[in-house]
Amino acid sequence: MMNSLTSPELTMLFMGVVLSLGTALVWMVYELEQGARQPAKIRRDPPQIG
């Protein structure tokens, strides 16, 4: 038979989910900012003359 979670256990579970989602959101924003700061690395060789 399944045991139901008590109120403190549900609270800790909810806090863990919120903390995980918050961490993922902050990490995503950080990565997007890092990508926006650095220009795209497109390597083009200068035309060879001669």
Protein backbone atom coordinates (compact mmCIF):
# COMPACT_ATOMS: atom_id res chain seq x y z
CA MET A 1 0.00 0.00 0.00
CA MET A 2 1.27 3.50 -0.85
CA ASN A 3 2.13 5.82 1.97
CA SER A 4 0.88 9.36 1.50
CA LEU A 5 3.30 12.22 1.95
CA THR A 6 2.97 14.34 5.05
CA SER A 7 2.71 18.11 4.92
CA PRO A 8 6.42 18.73 5.71
CA GLU A 9 7.46 16.20 3.07
CA LEU A 10 5.25 17.85 0.45
CA THR A 11 6.67 21.23 1.41
CA MET A 12 10.24 20.00 0.98
CA LEU A 13 9.36 18.37 -2.33
CA PHE A 14 7.74 21.59 -3.57
CA MET A 15 10.75 23.64 -2.43
CA GLY A 16 13.07 21.25 -4.26
CA VAL A 17 11.08 21.57 -7.48
CA VAL A 18 10.96 25.37 -7.22
CA LEU A 19 14.68 25.55 -6.47
CA SER A 20 15.51 23.30 -9.43
CA LEU A 21 13.36 25.31 -11.82
CA GLY A 22 14.82 28.57 -10.53
CA THR A 23 18.36 27.28 -11.00
CA ALA A 24 17.56 26.16 -14.54
CA LEU A 25 16.05 29.57 -15.36
CA VAL A 26 19.06 31.48 -14.02
CA TRP A 27 21.44 29.17 -15.89
CA MET A 28 19.47 29.64 -19.13
CA VAL A 29 19.55 33.45 -18.81
CA TYR A 30 23.27 33.35 -18.04
CA GLU A 31 24.00 31.21 -21.10
CA LEU A 32 21.90 33.48 -23.33
CA GLU A 33 23.74 36.54 -22.04
CA GLN A 34 27.11 34.90 -22.64
CA GLY A 35 26.09 34.11 -26.22
CA ALA A 36 24.85 37.65 -26.83
CA ARG A 37 28.09 39.23 -25.61
CA GLN A 38 30.41 37.22 -27.81
CA PRO A 39 30.15 37.89 -31.53
CA ALA A 40 29.51 34.91 -33.74
CA LYS A 41 32.76 33.18 -34.56
CA ILE A 42 32.69 33.04 -38.34
CA ARG A 43 36.10 32.36 -39.78
CA ARG A 44 36.61 33.67 -43.25
CA ASP A 45 39.93 33.35 -44.96
CA PRO A 46 41.04 36.47 -46.83
CA PRO A 47 41.09 36.03 -50.60
CA GLN A 48 44.38 34.75 -51.90
CA ILE A 49 45.97 37.20 -54.34
CA GLY A 50 48.65 35.98 -56.67
